[in-house]
N, C-alpha and C. Protein backbone atom coordinates (compact mmCIF):
# COMPACT_ATOMS: atom_id res chain seq x y z
N MET A 1 0.91 -1.21 0.10
CA MET A 1 -0.06 -0.11 -0.05
C MET A 1 1.00 1.14 0.13
N THR A 2 0.50 2.14 -0.84
CA THR A 2 1.43 3.38 -1.00
C THR A 2 0.48 4.59 -0.60
N VAL A 3 1.18 5.38 0.29
CA VAL A 3 0.50 6.67 0.64
C VAL A 3 1.27 7.93 0.06
N SER A 4 0.57 8.64 -0.60
CA SER A 4 1.26 9.73 -1.36
C SER A 4 0.94 11.06 -0.53
N LEU A 5 1.78 11.96 -0.21
CA LEU A 5 1.48 13.29 0.38
C LEU A 5 2.19 14.30 -0.46
N PRO A 6 1.48 15.31 -0.76
CA PRO A 6 2.34 16.41 -1.41
C PRO A 6 3.34 17.19 -0.47
N LEU A 7 4.30 17.46 -1.06
CA LEU A 7 5.43 18.23 -0.34
C LEU A 7 4.85 19.32 0.63
N VAL A 8 4.12 19.98 -0.16
CA VAL A 8 3.65 21.36 0.44
C VAL A 8 2.68 20.98 1.76
N ALA A 9 2.03 19.95 1.74
CA ALA A 9 1.12 19.55 2.90
C ALA A 9 2.09 19.12 4.05
N VAL A 10 3.34 18.45 3.78
CA VAL A 10 4.13 18.10 4.71
C VAL A 10 4.80 19.24 5.35
N LEU A 11 5.31 20.11 4.49
CA LEU A 11 5.76 21.42 4.99
C LEU A 11 4.81 22.29 5.80
N GLY A 12 3.57 22.23 5.39
CA GLY A 12 2.61 23.04 6.16
C GLY A 12 2.36 22.37 7.42
N ILE A 13 2.36 21.05 7.68
CA ILE A 13 2.35 20.46 9.01
C ILE A 13 3.57 20.85 9.65
N ILE A 14 4.76 20.83 9.30
CA ILE A 14 5.84 21.18 9.96
C ILE A 14 5.77 22.54 10.48
N ALA A 15 5.29 23.51 9.62
CA ALA A 15 5.05 24.88 9.91
C ALA A 15 4.17 25.01 11.21
N TRP A 16 3.01 24.37 10.87
CA TRP A 16 2.07 24.41 12.06
C TRP A 16 2.48 23.97 13.19
N ALA A 17 3.25 22.77 13.40
CA ALA A 17 3.79 22.35 14.59
C ALA A 17 4.85 23.14 15.12
N ALA A 18 5.55 23.88 14.36
CA ALA A 18 6.67 24.69 14.78
C ALA A 18 6.16 25.98 15.53
N ILE A 19 4.88 26.45 15.01
CA ILE A 19 4.12 27.58 15.46
C ILE A 19 3.53 27.18 16.76
N LYS A 20 2.91 26.02 16.83
CA LYS A 20 2.14 25.41 17.92
C LYS A 20 3.08 24.88 19.11
N PHE A 21 4.10 24.33 18.91
CA PHE A 21 4.86 23.61 19.91
C PHE A 21 6.23 24.26 20.08
N LEU A 22 6.82 24.95 19.11
CA LEU A 22 8.23 25.28 19.34
C LEU A 22 8.07 26.90 19.72
N GLY A 23 6.88 27.34 19.56
CA GLY A 23 6.81 28.82 20.03
C GLY A 23 7.31 29.78 18.96
N ILE A 24 7.42 29.40 17.75
CA ILE A 24 7.81 30.42 16.55
C ILE A 24 6.50 31.16 16.26
N ARG A 25 6.90 32.35 16.17
CA ARG A 25 5.78 33.41 15.94
C ARG A 25 5.26 33.28 14.62
N LEU A 26 4.00 33.68 14.44
CA LEU A 26 3.29 33.69 13.01
C LEU A 26 4.13 34.58 12.12
N TRP A 27 4.48 35.72 12.49
CA TRP A 27 5.03 36.68 11.62
C TRP A 27 6.29 36.18 11.05
N VAL A 28 7.13 35.22 11.86
CA VAL A 28 8.32 34.77 11.42
C VAL A 28 8.03 33.69 10.22
N ALA A 29 6.99 32.90 10.42
CA ALA A 29 6.54 32.03 9.47
C ALA A 29 6.12 32.64 8.23
N VAL A 30 5.42 33.72 8.30
CA VAL A 30 5.02 34.54 7.09
C VAL A 30 6.17 34.93 6.51
N VAL A 31 7.11 35.56 7.08
CA VAL A 31 8.47 36.21 6.39
C VAL A 31 9.16 34.97 5.81
N ILE A 32 9.31 33.85 6.21
CA ILE A 32 9.88 32.79 5.71
C ILE A 32 9.12 32.23 4.47
N ALA A 33 7.92 32.21 4.46
CA ALA A 33 7.06 31.97 3.32
C ALA A 33 7.32 32.91 2.22
N LEU A 34 7.21 34.12 2.59
CA LEU A 34 7.57 35.27 1.61
C LEU A 34 8.89 35.14 1.03
N PHE A 35 9.77 34.81 1.82
CA PHE A 35 11.15 34.52 1.30
C PHE A 35 11.24 33.40 0.34
N GLY A 36 10.33 32.43 0.46
CA GLY A 36 10.37 31.21 -0.34
C GLY A 36 9.73 31.75 -1.73
N PHE A 37 8.70 32.63 -1.69
CA PHE A 37 8.09 33.11 -2.96
C PHE A 37 9.08 33.90 -3.71
N TYR A 38 9.99 34.67 -2.85
CA TYR A 38 11.02 35.55 -3.44
C TYR A 38 12.12 34.62 -4.17
N LEU A 39 12.43 33.46 -3.55
CA LEU A 39 13.49 32.62 -4.13
C LEU A 39 13.10 31.87 -5.32
N ALA A 40 11.55 31.57 -5.40
CA ALA A 40 11.13 30.96 -6.58
C ALA A 40 11.22 31.66 -7.68
N HIS A 41 11.41 32.96 -7.70
CA HIS A 41 11.45 33.88 -8.81
C HIS A 41 12.96 34.35 -9.11
N SER A 42 13.84 33.70 -8.49
CA SER A 42 15.34 34.15 -8.62
C SER A 42 16.02 33.10 -9.40
N PHE A 43 17.27 33.26 -9.79
CA PHE A 43 18.04 32.47 -10.56
C PHE A 43 18.36 31.08 -9.89
N LEU A 44 18.05 31.12 -8.58
CA LEU A 44 18.30 29.88 -7.66
C LEU A 44 17.27 28.87 -7.86
N ALA A 45 16.04 29.33 -8.33
CA ALA A 45 14.96 28.41 -8.40
C ALA A 45 15.13 27.09 -9.16
N PRO A 46 15.81 26.89 -10.33
CA PRO A 46 16.05 25.64 -10.88
C PRO A 46 16.87 24.69 -10.08
N ALA A 47 18.05 25.30 -9.34
CA ALA A 47 18.72 24.50 -8.43
C ALA A 47 17.99 24.01 -7.25
N ILE A 48 17.13 24.88 -6.58
CA ILE A 48 16.39 24.50 -5.45
C ILE A 48 15.44 23.32 -5.93
N ASP A 49 14.75 23.45 -7.16
CA ASP A 49 13.90 22.66 -7.50
C ASP A 49 14.52 21.17 -7.80
N ASP A 50 15.60 21.16 -8.53
CA ASP A 50 16.34 19.87 -8.69
C ASP A 50 16.73 19.27 -7.42
N SER A 51 17.30 20.09 -6.48
CA SER A 51 17.71 19.48 -5.22
C SER A 51 16.57 18.98 -4.38
N THR A 52 15.47 19.69 -4.36
CA THR A 52 14.22 19.09 -3.65
C THR A 52 13.81 17.84 -4.39
N ARG A 53 13.71 17.83 -5.61
CA ARG A 53 13.17 16.52 -6.34
C ARG A 53 14.19 15.47 -6.08
N ASN A 54 15.57 15.66 -6.05
CA ASN A 54 16.45 14.68 -5.67
C ASN A 54 16.26 14.06 -4.36
N GLY A 55 16.11 14.99 -3.41
CA GLY A 55 15.93 14.67 -1.99
C GLY A 55 14.65 13.70 -1.95
N VAL A 56 13.55 14.05 -2.47
CA VAL A 56 12.50 13.30 -2.38
C VAL A 56 12.53 12.04 -3.17
N ASP A 57 13.24 11.90 -4.19
CA ASP A 57 13.57 10.62 -4.79
C ASP A 57 14.44 9.78 -4.04
N ILE A 58 15.44 10.22 -3.30
CA ILE A 58 16.33 9.53 -2.29
C ILE A 58 15.46 8.95 -1.17
N VAL A 59 14.54 9.79 -0.60
CA VAL A 59 13.68 9.23 0.42
C VAL A 59 12.71 8.28 0.03
N ASN A 60 12.28 8.33 -1.23
CA ASN A 60 11.35 7.46 -1.65
C ASN A 60 11.97 6.03 -2.36
N GLY A 61 13.27 6.20 -2.33
CA GLY A 61 14.05 4.99 -2.93
C GLY A 61 14.02 4.76 -4.43
N THR A 62 13.70 5.97 -5.14
CA THR A 62 13.60 5.80 -6.74
C THR A 62 14.70 6.57 -7.33
N HIS A 63 15.70 6.94 -6.48
CA HIS A 63 16.94 7.60 -7.02
C HIS A 63 17.81 6.61 -7.71
N THR A 64 18.15 6.87 -9.09
CA THR A 64 19.05 6.09 -9.69
C THR A 64 20.31 6.47 -9.87
């Protein structure tokens, strides 16, 4: 049986847990999210995307 979760859902759960249990303030999480949107439109976006995909492939065991 395979369970599939989108990466954004996993990151959302981690962010919620950090705010709830680690005491990270909401405005800090918002600033980090906005920084992510900024990075998505920069020259680093392809490298970040490739690294994320490779990391997910390694975790899933599909990396060749």
